[in-house]
C-alpha cells in the first residue's frame, strides 16, 4: 500500500520561507508524477506544484516564481521550497502521487502551513 508522509509544516511570518518534505513508500518512484496540492479553510483543494520523473514541472499560478518543487529518487522524497510566503498561502498542504499509466491517485495526510504576523 502506497504511503506518503509529509513533514515541515508550521507557522511562519509573511515573507518567510518553509520547506516541505514528502517521503513515499511502497511504490516505484519513477512511475509516478508527484507533487503538492493545498486546501485553504473553507475552499477547494488546488494545485501547488507537480513534477515528473523526467524533470518536468507544473506550478499553480499563485505560486510561480516563489515555490520550487524537486524530487530525490534515491530517497523517494519530493520537496517543496516555499519562499516569500504570503498570508494567502495558509492552508493544509497535501502530498500527491499519481501512477503515470494507471492514473491511480494517492494522498498524504496533510501538513498545516500558517503564514501570519
PDB file of N, CA and C in Angstrom:
ATOM      1  N   UNK A   1       0.849  -1.191   0.000  1.00  0.00           N
ATOM      2  CA  UNK A   1       0.000   0.000   0.000  1.00  0.00           C
ATOM      3  C   UNK A   1       0.886   1.243   0.000  1.00  0.00           C
ATOM      4  N   UNK A   2       0.609   2.149  -0.960  1.00  0.00           N
ATOM      5  CA  UNK A   2       1.386   3.379  -1.081  1.00  0.00           C
ATOM      6  C   UNK A   2       1.176   4.247   0.154  1.00  0.00           C
ATOM      7  N   UNK A   3       2.260   4.762   0.684  1.00  0.00           N
ATOM      8  CA  UNK A   3       2.174   5.700   1.808  1.00  0.00           C
ATOM      9  C   UNK A   3       2.976   6.954   1.473  1.00  0.00           C
ATOM     10  N   UNK A   4       2.386   8.094   1.801  1.00  0.00           N
ATOM     11  CA  UNK A   4       3.040   9.390   1.614  1.00  0.00           C
ATOM     12  C   UNK A   4       3.023  10.100   2.956  1.00  0.00           C
ATOM     13  N   UNK A   5       4.180  10.460   3.458  1.00  0.00           N
ATOM     14  CA  UNK A   5       4.290  11.068   4.785  1.00  0.00           C
ATOM     15  C   UNK A   5       4.938  12.443   4.647  1.00  0.00           C
ATOM     16  N   UNK A   6       4.140  13.473   4.969  1.00  0.00           N
ATOM     17  CA  UNK A   6       4.621  14.852   4.861  1.00  0.00           C
ATOM     18  C   UNK A   6       5.265  15.312   6.161  1.00  0.00           C
ATOM     19  N   UNK A   7       6.151  16.286   6.033  1.00  0.00           N
ATOM     20  CA  UNK A   7       6.738  16.950   7.194  1.00  0.00           C
ATOM     21  C   UNK A   7       7.183  18.344   6.782  1.00  0.00           C
ATOM     22  N   UNK A   8       7.392  19.203   7.774  1.00  0.00           N
ATOM     23  CA  UNK A   8       7.936  20.526   7.508  1.00  0.00           C
ATOM     24  C   UNK A   8       6.966  21.678   7.626  1.00  0.00           C
ATOM     25  N   UNK A   9       5.702  21.401   7.876  1.00  0.00           N
ATOM     26  CA  UNK A   9       4.751  22.484   8.036  1.00  0.00           C
ATOM     27  C   UNK A   9       4.992  23.248   9.324  1.00  0.00           C
ATOM     28  N   UNK A  10       4.287  24.374   9.477  1.00  0.00           N
ATOM     29  CA  UNK A  10       4.432  25.165  10.687  1.00  0.00           C
ATOM     30  C   UNK A  10       3.911  26.568  10.501  1.00  0.00           C
ATOM     31  N   UNK A  11       4.328  27.440  11.396  1.00  0.00           N
ATOM     32  CA  UNK A  11       3.902  28.832  11.386  1.00  0.00           C
ATOM     33  C   UNK A  11       5.084  29.701  10.984  1.00  0.00           C
ATOM     34  N   UNK A  12       4.850  30.625  10.071  1.00  0.00           N
ATOM     35  CA  UNK A  12       5.921  31.500   9.591  1.00  0.00           C
ATOM     36  C   UNK A  12       5.330  32.875   9.331  1.00  0.00           C
ATOM     37  N   UNK A  13       6.163  33.896   9.438  1.00  0.00           N
ATOM     38  CA  UNK A  13       5.703  35.262   9.170  1.00  0.00           C
ATOM     39  C   UNK A  13       5.682  35.535   7.668  1.00  0.00           C
ATOM     40  N   UNK A  14       4.854  36.478   7.243  1.00  0.00           N
ATOM     41  CA  UNK A  14       4.858  36.861   5.820  1.00  0.00           C
ATOM     42  C   UNK A  14       6.261  37.238   5.359  1.00  0.00           C
ATOM     43  N   UNK A  15       6.597  36.766   4.164  1.00  0.00           N
ATOM     44  CA  UNK A  15       7.935  36.994   3.629  1.00  0.00           C
ATOM     45  C   UNK A  15       8.922  35.907   3.984  1.00  0.00           C
ATOM     46  N   UNK A  16       8.551  35.019   4.882  1.00  0.00           N
ATOM     47  CA  UNK A  16       9.437  33.957   5.310  1.00  0.00           C
ATOM     48  C   UNK A  16       9.440  32.762   4.374  1.00  0.00           C
ATOM     49  N   UNK A  17      10.156  31.714   4.789  1.00  0.00           N
ATOM     50  CA  UNK A  17      10.316  30.515   3.984  1.00  0.00           C
ATOM     51  C   UNK A  17      10.045  29.263   4.802  1.00  0.00           C
ATOM     52  N   UNK A  18       9.599  28.227   4.120  1.00  0.00           N
ATOM     53  CA  UNK A  18       9.447  26.902   4.694  1.00  0.00           C
ATOM     54  C   UNK A  18       9.794  25.878   3.622  1.00  0.00           C
ATOM     55  N   UNK A  19      10.211  24.705   4.063  1.00  0.00           N
ATOM     56  CA  UNK A  19      10.469  23.597   3.153  1.00  0.00           C
ATOM     57  C   UNK A  19       9.666  22.393   3.609  1.00  0.00           C
ATOM     58  N   UNK A  20       8.803  21.922   2.716  1.00  0.00           N
ATOM     59  CA  UNK A  20       8.034  20.719   2.983  1.00  0.00           C
ATOM     60  C   UNK A  20       8.727  19.514   2.360  1.00  0.00           C
ATOM     61  N   UNK A  21       8.587  18.370   3.029  1.00  0.00           N
ATOM     62  CA  UNK A  21       9.112  17.120   2.507  1.00  0.00           C
ATOM     63  C   UNK A  21       8.008  16.076   2.505  1.00  0.00           C
ATOM     64  N   UNK A  22       8.088  15.164   1.554  1.00  0.00           N
ATOM     65  CA  UNK A  22       7.138  14.056   1.488  1.00  0.00           C
ATOM     66  C   UNK A  22       7.898  12.805   1.086  1.00  0.00           C
ATOM     67  N   UNK A  23       7.925  11.846   2.000  1.00  0.00           N
ATOM     68  CA  UNK A  23       8.616  10.586   1.734  1.00  0.00           C
ATOM     69  C   UNK A  23       7.589   9.533   1.318  1.00  0.00           C
ATOM     70  N   UNK A  24       7.870   8.877   0.205  1.00  0.00           N
ATOM     71  CA  UNK A  24       6.960   7.863  -0.332  1.00  0.00           C
ATOM     72  C   UNK A  24       7.498   6.468  -0.045  1.00  0.00           C
ATOM     73  N   UNK A  25       6.582   5.533   0.116  1.00  0.00           N
ATOM     74  CA  UNK A  25       6.973   4.145   0.302  1.00  0.00           C
ATOM     75  C   UNK A  25       6.002   3.246  -0.449  1.00  0.00           C
ATOM     76  N   UNK A  26       6.444   2.022  -0.682  1.00  0.00           N
ATOM     77  CA  UNK A  26       5.641   1.006  -1.354  1.00  0.00           C
ATOM     78  C   UNK A  26       5.241   1.426  -2.767  1.00  0.00           C
ATOM     79  N   UNK A  27       6.135   2.103  -3.473  1.00  0.00           N
ATOM     80  CA  UNK A  27       5.880   2.419  -4.871  1.00  0.00           C
ATOM     81  C   UNK A  27       7.203   2.554  -5.609  1.00  0.00           C
ATOM     82  N   UNK A  28       7.126   2.377  -6.942  1.00  0.00           N
ATOM     83  CA  UNK A  28       8.297   2.614  -7.784  1.00  0.00           C
ATOM     84  C   UNK A  28       8.270   4.093  -8.140  1.00  0.00           C
ATOM     85  N   UNK A  29       9.115   4.853  -7.491  1.00  0.00           N
ATOM     86  CA  UNK A  29       9.046   6.310  -7.540  1.00  0.00           C
ATOM     87  C   UNK A  29       9.056   6.834  -8.977  1.00  0.00           C
ATOM     88  N   UNK A  30       9.829   6.189  -9.828  1.00  0.00           N
ATOM     89  CA  UNK A  30       9.974   6.679 -11.201  1.00  0.00           C
ATOM     90  C   UNK A  30       8.684   6.568 -12.008  1.00  0.00           C
ATOM     91  N   UNK A  31       7.741   5.771 -11.565  1.00  0.00           N
ATOM     92  CA  UNK A  31       6.495   5.572 -12.301  1.00  0.00           C
ATOM     93  C   UNK A  31       5.430   6.609 -11.950  1.00  0.00           C
ATOM     94  N   UNK A  32       5.774   7.537 -11.061  1.00  0.00           N
ATOM     95  CA  UNK A  32       4.763   8.439 -10.531  1.00  0.00           C
ATOM     96  C   UNK A  32       5.064   9.904 -10.808  1.00  0.00           C
ATOM     97  N   UNK A  33       4.018  10.639 -11.127  1.00  0.00           N
ATOM     98  CA  UNK A  33       4.039  12.091 -11.000  1.00  0.00           C
ATOM     99  C   UNK A  33       3.799  12.397  -9.522  1.00  0.00           C
ATOM    100  N   UNK A  34       4.641  13.221  -8.936  1.00  0.00           N
ATOM    101  CA  UNK A  34       4.492  13.541  -7.515  1.00  0.00           C
ATOM    102  C   UNK A  34       4.429  15.049  -7.340  1.00  0.00           C
ATOM    103  N   UNK A  35       3.833  15.457  -6.235  1.00  0.00           N
ATOM    104  CA  UNK A  35       3.755  16.884  -6.014  1.00  0.00           C
ATOM    105  C   UNK A  35       2.925  17.266  -4.819  1.00  0.00           C
ATOM    106  N   UNK A  36       2.398  18.480  -4.880  1.00  0.00           N
ATOM    107  CA  UNK A  36       1.697  19.075  -3.750  1.00  0.00           C
ATOM    108  C   UNK A  36       0.423  19.780  -4.213  1.00  0.00           C
ATOM    109  N   UNK A  37      -0.615  19.603  -3.429  1.00  0.00           N
ATOM    110  CA  UNK A  37      -1.826  20.382  -3.514  1.00  0.00           C
ATOM    111  C   UNK A  37      -2.045  21.031  -2.153  1.00  0.00           C
ATOM    112  N   UNK A  38      -2.917  22.027  -2.124  1.00  0.00           N
ATOM    113  CA  UNK A  38      -3.244  22.653  -0.839  1.00  0.00           C
ATOM    114  C   UNK A  38      -4.721  22.971  -0.769  1.00  0.00           C
ATOM    115  N   UNK A  39      -5.220  23.068   0.471  1.00  0.00           N
ATOM    116  CA  UNK A  39      -6.629  23.372   0.687  1.00  0.00           C
ATOM    117  C   UNK A  39      -6.765  24.385   1.801  1.00  0.00           C
ATOM    118  N   UNK A  40      -7.023  25.643   1.447  1.00  0.00           N
ATOM    119  CA  UNK A  40      -7.292  26.639   2.482  1.00  0.00           C
ATOM    120  C   UNK A  40      -8.611  26.330   3.177  1.00  0.00           C
ATOM    121  N   UNK A  41      -8.782  26.790   4.383  1.00  0.00           N
ATOM    122  CA  UNK A  41     -10.013  26.534   5.131  1.00  0.00           C
ATOM    123  C   UNK A  41     -11.228  27.049   4.353  1.00  0.00           C
ATOM    124  N   UNK A  42     -12.200  26.199   4.181  1.00  0.00           N
ATOM    125  CA  UNK A  42     -13.438  26.580   3.515  1.00  0.00           C
ATOM    126  C   UNK A  42     -13.364  26.679   2.006  1.00  0.00           C
ATOM    127  N   UNK A  43     -12.233  26.273   1.435  1.00  0.00           N
ATOM    128  CA  UNK A  43     -12.071  26.364  -0.017  1.00  0.00           C
ATOM    129  C   UNK A  43     -11.730  25.003  -0.604  1.00  0.00           C
ATOM    130  N   UNK A  44     -11.728  24.933  -1.921  1.00  0.00           N
ATOM    131  CA  UNK A  44     -11.419  23.678  -2.600  1.00  0.00           C
ATOM    132  C   UNK A  44      -9.909  23.442  -2.659  1.00  0.00           C
ATOM    133  N   UNK A  45      -9.553  22.170  -2.809  1.00  0.00           N
ATOM    134  CA  UNK A  45      -8.152  21.811  -2.959  1.00  0.00           C
ATOM    135  C   UNK A  45      -7.643  22.317  -4.310  1.00  0.00           C
ATOM    136  N   UNK A  46      -6.420  22.839  -4.322  1.00  0.00           N
ATOM    137  CA  UNK A  46      -5.873  23.418  -5.549  1.00  0.00           C
ATOM    138  C   UNK A  46      -4.434  22.958  -5.763  1.00  0.00           C
ATOM    139  N   UNK A  47      -4.036  22.977  -7.022  1.00  0.00           N
ATOM    140  CA  UNK A  47      -2.682  22.592  -7.391  1.00  0.00           C
ATOM    141  C   UNK A  47      -1.669  23.591  -6.850  1.00  0.00           C
ATOM    142  N   UNK A  48      -0.587  23.049  -6.266  1.00  0.00           N
ATOM    143  CA  UNK A  48       0.564  23.878  -5.931  1.00  0.00           C
ATOM    144  C   UNK A  48       1.658  23.623  -6.968  1.00  0.00           C
ATOM    145  N   UNK A  49       2.117  22.369  -7.026  1.00  0.00           N
ATOM    146  CA  UNK A  49       3.168  22.026  -7.984  1.00  0.00           C
ATOM    147  C   UNK A  49       3.271  20.519  -8.120  1.00  0.00           C
ATOM    148  N   UNK A  50       3.625  20.064  -9.322  1.00  0.00           N
ATOM    149  CA  UNK A  50       3.909  18.657  -9.544  1.00  0.00           C
ATOM    150  C   UNK A  50       5.186  18.519 -10.363  1.00  0.00           C
ATOM    151  N   UNK A  51       5.781  17.338 -10.301  1.00  0.00           N
ATOM    152  CA  UNK A  51       6.985  17.073 -11.076  1.00  0.00           C
ATOM    153  C   UNK A  51       6.982  15.638 -11.570  1.00  0.00           C
ATOM    154  N   UNK A  52       7.506  15.425 -12.763  1.00  0.00           N
ATOM    155  CA  UNK A  52       7.567  14.100 -13.361  1.00  0.00           C
ATOM    156  C   UNK A  52       8.956  13.497 -13.181  1.00  0.00           C
ATOM    157  N   UNK A  53       9.052  12.209 -13.515  1.00  0.00           N
ATOM    158  CA  UNK A  53      10.347  11.542 -13.412  1.00  0.00           C
ATOM    159  C   UNK A  53      11.369  12.180 -14.350  1.00  0.00           C
ATOM    160  N   UNK A  54      10.904  12.698 -15.462  1.00  0.00           N
ATOM    161  CA  UNK A  54      11.808  13.321 -16.422  1.00  0.00           C
ATOM    162  C   UNK A  54      12.224  14.735 -16.051  1.00  0.00           C
ATOM    163  N   UNK A  55      11.693  15.244 -14.958  1.00  0.00           N
ATOM    164  CA  UNK A  55      12.080  16.576 -14.505  1.00  0.00           C
ATOM    165  C   UNK A  55      11.132  17.684 -14.887  1.00  0.00           C
ATOM    166  N   UNK A  56      10.058  17.345 -15.597  1.00  0.00           N
ATOM    167  CA  UNK A  56       9.083  18.369 -15.931  1.00  0.00           C
ATOM    168  C   UNK A  56       8.353  18.850 -14.693  1.00  0.00           C
ATOM    169  N   UNK A  57       7.987  20.122 -14.670  1.00  0.00           N
ATOM    170  CA  UNK A  57       7.291  20.688 -13.524  1.00  0.00           C
ATOM    171  C   UNK A  57       6.070  21.466 -13.975  1.00  0.00           C
ATOM    172  N   UNK A  58       5.120  21.565 -13.073  1.00  0.00           N
ATOM    173  CA  UNK A  58       3.908  22.332 -13.316  1.00  0.00           C
ATOM    174  C   UNK A  58       3.552  23.052 -12.016  1.00  0.00           C
ATOM    175  N   UNK A  59       3.335  24.360 -12.087  1.00  0.00           N
ATOM    176  CA  UNK A  59       3.054  25.155 -10.900  1.00  0.00           C
ATOM    177  C   UNK A  59       1.700  25.840 -11.014  1.00  0.00           C
ATOM    178  N   UNK A  60       1.026  25.979  -9.872  1.00  0.00           N
ATOM    179  CA  UNK A  60      -0.153  26.813  -9.830  1.00  0.00           C
ATOM    180  C   UNK A  60       0.237  28.274 -10.038  1.00  0.00           C
ATOM    181  N   UNK A  61      -0.647  29.041 -10.645  1.00  0.00           N
ATOM    182  CA  UNK A  61      -0.314  30.425 -10.989  1.00  0.00           C
ATOM    183  C   UNK A  61       0.061  31.253  -9.766  1.00  0.00           C
ATOM    184  N   UNK A  62      -0.569  30.979  -8.645  1.00  0.00           N
ATOM    185  CA  UNK A  62      -0.362  31.817  -7.464  1.00  0.00           C
ATOM    186  C   UNK A  62       0.989  31.598  -6.791  1.00  0.00           C
ATOM    187  N   UNK A  63       1.710  30.536  -7.168  1.00  0.00           N
ATOM    188  CA  UNK A  63       2.983  30.241  -6.503  1.00  0.00           C
ATOM    189  C   UNK A  63       4.178  30.347  -7.443  1.00  0.00           C
ATOM    190  N   UNK A  64       3.931  30.572  -8.721  1.00  0.00           N
ATOM    191  CA  UNK A  64       5.034  30.656  -9.686  1.00  0.00           C
ATOM    192  C   UNK A  64       6.017  31.749  -9.287  1.00  0.00           C
ATOM    193  N   UNK A  65       7.306  31.399  -9.344  1.00  0.00           N
ATOM    194  CA  UNK A  65       8.347  32.354  -9.000  1.00  0.00           C
ATOM    195  C   UNK A  65       8.670  32.404  -7.521  1.00  0.00           C
ATOM    196  N   UNK A  66       7.838  31.769  -6.701  1.00  0.00           N
ATOM    197  CA  UNK A  66       8.085  31.778  -5.241  1.00  0.00           C
ATOM    198  C   UNK A  66       8.359  30.379  -4.697  1.00  0.00           C
ATOM    199  N   UNK A  67       7.716  29.376  -5.258  1.00  0.00           N
ATOM    200  CA  UNK A  67       7.857  27.996  -4.791  1.00  0.00           C
ATOM    201  C   UNK A  67       8.671  27.194  -5.801  1.00  0.00           C
ATOM    202  N   UNK A  68       9.422  26.213  -5.293  1.00  0.00           N
ATOM    203  CA  UNK A  68      10.204  25.329  -6.154  1.00  0.00           C
ATOM    204  C   UNK A  68      10.009  23.886  -5.701  1.00  0.00           C
ATOM    205  N   UNK A  69       9.647  23.029  -6.644  1.00  0.00           N
ATOM    206  CA  UNK A  69       9.472  21.620  -6.343  1.00  0.00           C
ATOM    207  C   UNK A  69      10.683  20.848  -6.844  1.00  0.00           C
ATOM    208  N   UNK A  70      11.062  19.809  -6.090  1.00  0.00           N
ATOM    209  CA  UNK A  70      12.169  18.947  -6.504  1.00  0.00           C
ATOM    210  C   UNK A  70      11.918  17.545  -5.962  1.00  0.00           C
ATOM    211  N   UNK A  71      12.628  16.566  -6.540  1.00  0.00           N
ATOM    212  CA  UNK A  71      12.461  15.190  -6.087  1.00  0.00           C
ATOM    213  C   UNK A  71      13.816  14.510  -6.005  1.00  0.00           C
ATOM    214  N   UNK A  72      13.957  13.650  -5.009  1.00  0.00           N
ATOM    215  CA  UNK A  72      15.169  12.864  -4.808  1.00  0.00           C
ATOM    216  C   UNK A  72      14.794  11.409  -5.013  1.00  0.00           C
ATOM    217  N   UNK A  73      15.269  10.829  -6.115  1.00  0.00           N
ATOM    218  CA  UNK A  73      14.868   9.456  -6.442  1.00  0.00           C
ATOM    219  C   UNK A  73      15.408   8.451  -5.434  1.00  0.00           C
ATOM    220  N   UNK A  74      16.619   8.645  -4.990  1.00  0.00           N
ATOM    221  CA  UNK A  74      17.215   7.692  -4.055  1.00  0.00           C
ATOM    222  C   UNK A  74      16.460   7.657  -2.731  1.00  0.00           C
ATOM    223  N   UNK A  75      15.966   8.808  -2.301  1.00  0.00           N
ATOM    224  CA  UNK A  75      15.247   8.886  -1.027  1.00  0.00           C
ATOM    225  C   UNK A  75      13.743   8.765  -1.199  1.00  0.00           C
ATOM    226  N   UNK A  76      13.274   8.658  -2.457  1.00  0.00           N
ATOM    227  CA  UNK A  76      11.830   8.618  -2.735  1.00  0.00           C
ATOM    228  C   UNK A  76      11.125   9.772  -2.021  1.00  0.00           C
ATOM    229  N   UNK A  77      11.663  10.933  -2.175  1.00  0.00           N
ATOM    230  CA  UNK A  77      11.160  12.097  -1.467  1.00  0.00           C
ATOM    231  C   UNK A  77      10.955  13.255  -2.433  1.00  0.00           C
ATOM    232  N   UNK A  78       9.868  13.965  -2.238  1.00  0.00           N
ATOM    233  CA  UNK A  78       9.606  15.181  -3.003  1.00  0.00           C
ATOM    234  C   UNK A  78       9.592  16.353  -2.027  1.00  0.00           C
ATOM    235  N   UNK A  79      10.183  17.452  -2.465  1.00  0.00           N
ATOM    236  CA  UNK A  79      10.320  18.625  -1.629  1.00  0.00           C
ATOM    237  C   UNK A  79       9.567  19.806  -2.236  1.00  0.00           C
ATOM    238  N   UNK A  80       9.155  20.715  -1.369  1.00  0.00           N
ATOM    239  CA  UNK A  80       8.564  21.968  -1.821  1.00  0.00           C
ATOM    240  C   UNK A  80       9.225  23.095  -1.037  1.00  0.00           C
ATOM    241  N   UNK A  81      10.070  23.857  -1.714  1.00  0.00           N
ATOM    242  CA  UNK A  81      10.687  25.027  -1.107  1.00  0.00           C
ATOM    243  C   UNK A  81       9.770  26.213  -1.331  1.00  0.00           C
ATOM    244  N   UNK A  82       9.314  26.819  -0.246  1.00  0.00           N
ATOM    245  CA  UNK A  82       8.367  27.925  -0.322  1.00  0.00           C
ATOM    246  C   UNK A  82       9.037  29.189   0.191  1.00  0.00           C
ATOM    247  N   UNK A  83       9.194  30.161  -0.686  1.00  0.00           N
ATOM    248  CA  UNK A  83       9.804  31.438  -0.325  1.00  0.00           C
ATOM    249  C   UNK A  83       8.795  32.564  -0.489  1.00  0.00           C
ATOM    250  N   UNK A  84       9.114  33.705   0.104  1.00  0.00           N
ATOM    251  CA  UNK A  84       8.242  34.890   0.012  1.00  0.00           C
ATOM    252  C   UNK A  84       6.799  34.543   0.343  1.00  0.00           C
ATOM    253  N   UNK A  85       6.619  33.839   1.427  1.00  0.00           N
ATOM    254  CA  UNK A  85       5.280  33.355   1.783  1.00  0.00           C
ATOM    255  C   UNK A  85       4.338  34.513   2.088  1.00  0.00           C
ATOM    256  N   UNK A  86       3.082  34.310   1.718  1.00  0.00           N
ATOM    257  CA  UNK A  86       2.028  35.294   1.915  1.00  0.00           C
ATOM    258  C   UNK A  86       0.947  34.717   2.823  1.00  0.00           C
ATOM    259  N   UNK A  87       0.173  35.593   3.411  1.00  0.00           N
ATOM    260  CA  UNK A  87      -0.921  35.143   4.277  1.00  0.00           C
ATOM    261  C   UNK A  87      -1.839  34.188   3.516  1.00  0.00           C
ATOM    262  N   UNK A  88      -2.056  34.473   2.249  1.00  0.00           N
ATOM    263  CA  UNK A  88      -2.963  33.641   1.445  1.00  0.00           C
ATOM    264  C   UNK A  88      -2.390  32.269   1.095  1.00  0.00           C
ATOM    265  N   UNK A  89      -1.137  32.003   1.467  1.00  0.00           N
ATOM    266  CA  UNK A  89      -0.579  30.663   1.308  1.00  0.00           C
ATOM    267  C   UNK A  89      -0.982  29.740   2.453  1.00  0.00           C
ATOM    268  N   UNK A  90      -1.625  30.294   3.457  1.00  0.00           N
ATOM    269  CA  UNK A  90      -2.082  29.483   4.589  1.00  0.00           C
ATOM    270  C   UNK A  90      -3.059  28.413   4.121  1.00  0.00           C
ATOM    271  N   UNK A  91      -2.755  27.156   4.461  1.00  0.00           N
ATOM    272  CA  UNK A  91      -3.577  26.030   4.001  1.00  0.00           C
ATOM    273  C   UNK A  91      -3.018  24.736   4.584  1.00  0.00           C
ATOM    274  N   UNK A  92      -3.783  23.672   4.408  1.00  0.00           N
ATOM    275  CA  UNK A  92      -3.245  22.332   4.620  1.00  0.00           C
ATOM    276  C   UNK A  92      -2.628  21.886   3.291  1.00  0.00           C
ATOM    277  N   UNK A  93      -1.393  21.475   3.331  1.00  0.00           N
ATOM    278  CA  UNK A  93      -0.673  21.051   2.127  1.00  0.00           C
ATOM    279  C   UNK A  93      -0.630  19.519   2.087  1.00  0.00           C
ATOM    280  N   UNK A  94      -1.048  18.977   0.948  1.00  0.00           N
ATOM    281  CA  UNK A  94      -1.138  17.531   0.780  1.00  0.00           C
ATOM    282  C   UNK A  94      -0.128  17.057  -0.258  1.00  0.00           C
ATOM    283  N   UNK A  95       0.603  16.026   0.096  1.00  0.00           N
ATOM    284  CA  UNK A  95       1.475  15.362  -0.867  1.00  0.00           C
ATOM    285  C   UNK A  95       0.612  14.481  -1.784  1.00  0.00           C
ATOM    286  N   UNK A  96       1.040  14.340  -3.019  1.00  0.00           N
ATOM    287  CA  UNK A  96       0.232  13.681  -4.053  1.00  0.00           C
ATOM    288  C   UNK A  96       1.142  12.834  -4.923  1.00  0.00           C
ATOM    289  N   UNK A  97       0.652  11.647  -5.292  1.00  0.00           N
ATOM    290  CA  UNK A  97       1.387  10.794  -6.222  1.00  0.00           C
ATOM    291  C   UNK A  97       0.390  10.128  -7.153  1.00  0.00           C
ATOM    292  N   UNK A  98       0.649  10.203  -8.452  1.00  0.00           N
ATOM    293  CA  UNK A  98      -0.219   9.595  -9.444  1.00  0.00           C
ATOM    294  C   UNK A  98       0.594   8.696 -10.359  1.00  0.00           C
ATOM    295  N   UNK A  99       0.176   7.430 -10.485  1.00  0.00           N
ATOM    296  CA  UNK A  99       0.840   6.495 -11.387  1.00  0.00           C
ATOM    297  C   UNK A  99       0.606   6.957 -12.818  1.00  0.00           C
ATOM    298  N   UNK A 100       1.673   7.041 -13.599  1.00  0.00           N
ATOM    299  CA  UNK A 100       1.557   7.622 -14.928  1.00  0.00           C
ATOM    300  C   UNK A 100       0.780   6.741 -15.906  1.00  0.00           C
ATOM    301  N   UNK A 101       0.679   5.433 -15.642  1.00  0.00           N
ATOM    302  CA  UNK A 101      -0.058   4.557 -16.558  1.00  0.00           C
ATOM    303  C   UNK A 101      -1.475   4.288 -16.075  1.00  0.00           C
ATOM    304  N   UNK A 102      -1.623   3.908 -14.809  1.00  0.00           N
ATOM    305  CA  UNK A 102      -2.942   3.531 -14.285  1.00  0.00           C
ATOM    306  C   UNK A 102      -3.753   4.735 -13.809  1.00  0.00           C
ATOM    307  N   UNK A 103      -3.112   5.859 -13.622  1.00  0.00           N
ATOM    308  CA  UNK A 103      -3.742   7.094 -13.096  1.00  0.00           C
ATOM    309  C   UNK A 103      -4.214   6.930 -11.662  1.00  0.00           C
ATOM    310  N   UNK A 104      -3.720   5.930 -10.973  1.00  0.00           N
ATOM    311  CA  UNK A 104      -4.026   5.744  -9.547  1.00  0.00           C
ATOM    312  C   UNK A 104      -3.525   6.959  -8.769  1.00  0.00           C
ATOM    313  N   UNK A 105      -4.426   7.519  -7.928  1.00  0.00           N
ATOM    314  CA  UNK A 105      -4.086   8.682  -7.108  1.00  0.00           C
ATOM    315  C   UNK A 105      -3.824   8.264  -5.672  1.00  0.00           C
ATOM    316  N   UNK A 106      -2.848   8.895  -5.047  1.00  0.00           N
ATOM    317  CA  UNK A 106      -2.570   8.680  -3.632  1.00  0.00           C
ATOM    318  C   UNK A 106      -2.314  10.024  -2.954  1.00  0.00           C
ATOM    319  N   UNK A 107      -2.772  10.130  -1.708  1.00  0.00           N
ATOM    320  CA  UNK A 107      -2.632  11.376  -0.958  1.00  0.00           C
ATOM    321  C   UNK A 107      -1.989  11.130   0.401  1.00  0.00           C
ATOM    322  N   UNK A 108      -1.217  12.108   0.849  1.00  0.00           N
ATOM    323  CA  UNK A 108      -0.729  12.096   2.210  1.00  0.00           C
ATOM    324  C   UNK A 108      -1.792  12.608   3.167  1.00  0.00           C
ATOM    325  N   UNK A 109      -1.445  12.632   4.449  1.00  0.00           N
ATOM    326  CA  UNK A 109      -2.429  13.028   5.462  1.00  0.00           C
ATOM    327  C   UNK A 109      -2.537  14.541   5.595  1.00  0.00           C
ATOM    328  N   UNK A 110      -1.599  15.287   5.044  1.00  0.00           N
ATOM    329  CA  UNK A 110      -1.637  16.743   5.064  1.00  0.00           C
ATOM    330  C   UNK A 110      -0.794  17.330   6.181  1.00  0.00           C
ATOM    331  N   UNK A 111      -0.250  18.514   5.916  1.00  0.00           N
ATOM    332  CA  UNK A 111       0.509  19.249   6.924  1.00  0.00           C
ATOM    333  C   UNK A 111       0.086  20.714   6.864  1.00  0.00           C
ATOM    334  N   UNK A 112      -0.124  21.306   8.022  1.00  0.00           N
ATOM    335  CA  UNK A 112      -0.626  22.679   8.086  1.00  0.00           C
ATOM    336  C   UNK A 112       0.510  23.671   7.903  1.00  0.00           C
ATOM    337  N   UNK A 113       0.283  24.642   7.032  1.00  0.00           N
ATOM    338  CA  UNK A 113       1.179  25.782   6.868  1.00  0.00           C
ATOM    339  C   UNK A 113       0.378  27.034   7.188  1.00  0.00           C
ATOM    340  N   UNK A 114       0.851  27.799   8.149  1.00  0.00           N
ATOM    341  CA  UNK A 114       0.178  29.036   8.552  1.00  0.00           C
ATOM    342  C   UNK A 114       1.136  30.201   8.393  1.00  0.00           C
ATOM    343  N   UNK A 115       0.715  31.198   7.607  1.00  0.00           N
ATOM    344  CA  UNK A 115       1.519  32.401   7.402  1.00  0.00           C
ATOM    345  C   UNK A 115       0.797  33.543   8.106  1.00  0.00           C
ATOM    346  N   UNK A 116       1.416  34.039   9.154  1.00  0.00           N
ATOM    347  CA  UNK A 116       0.748  35.042   9.979  1.00  0.00           C
ATOM    348  C   UNK A 116       1.781  35.906  10.692  1.00  0.00           C
ATOM    349  N   UNK A 117       1.429  37.169  10.835  1.00  0.00           N
ATOM    350  CA  UNK A 117       2.306  38.075  11.583  1.00  0.00           C
ATOM    351  C   UNK A 117       1.891  38.122  13.056  1.00  0.00           C
TER     352      UNK A 117
END
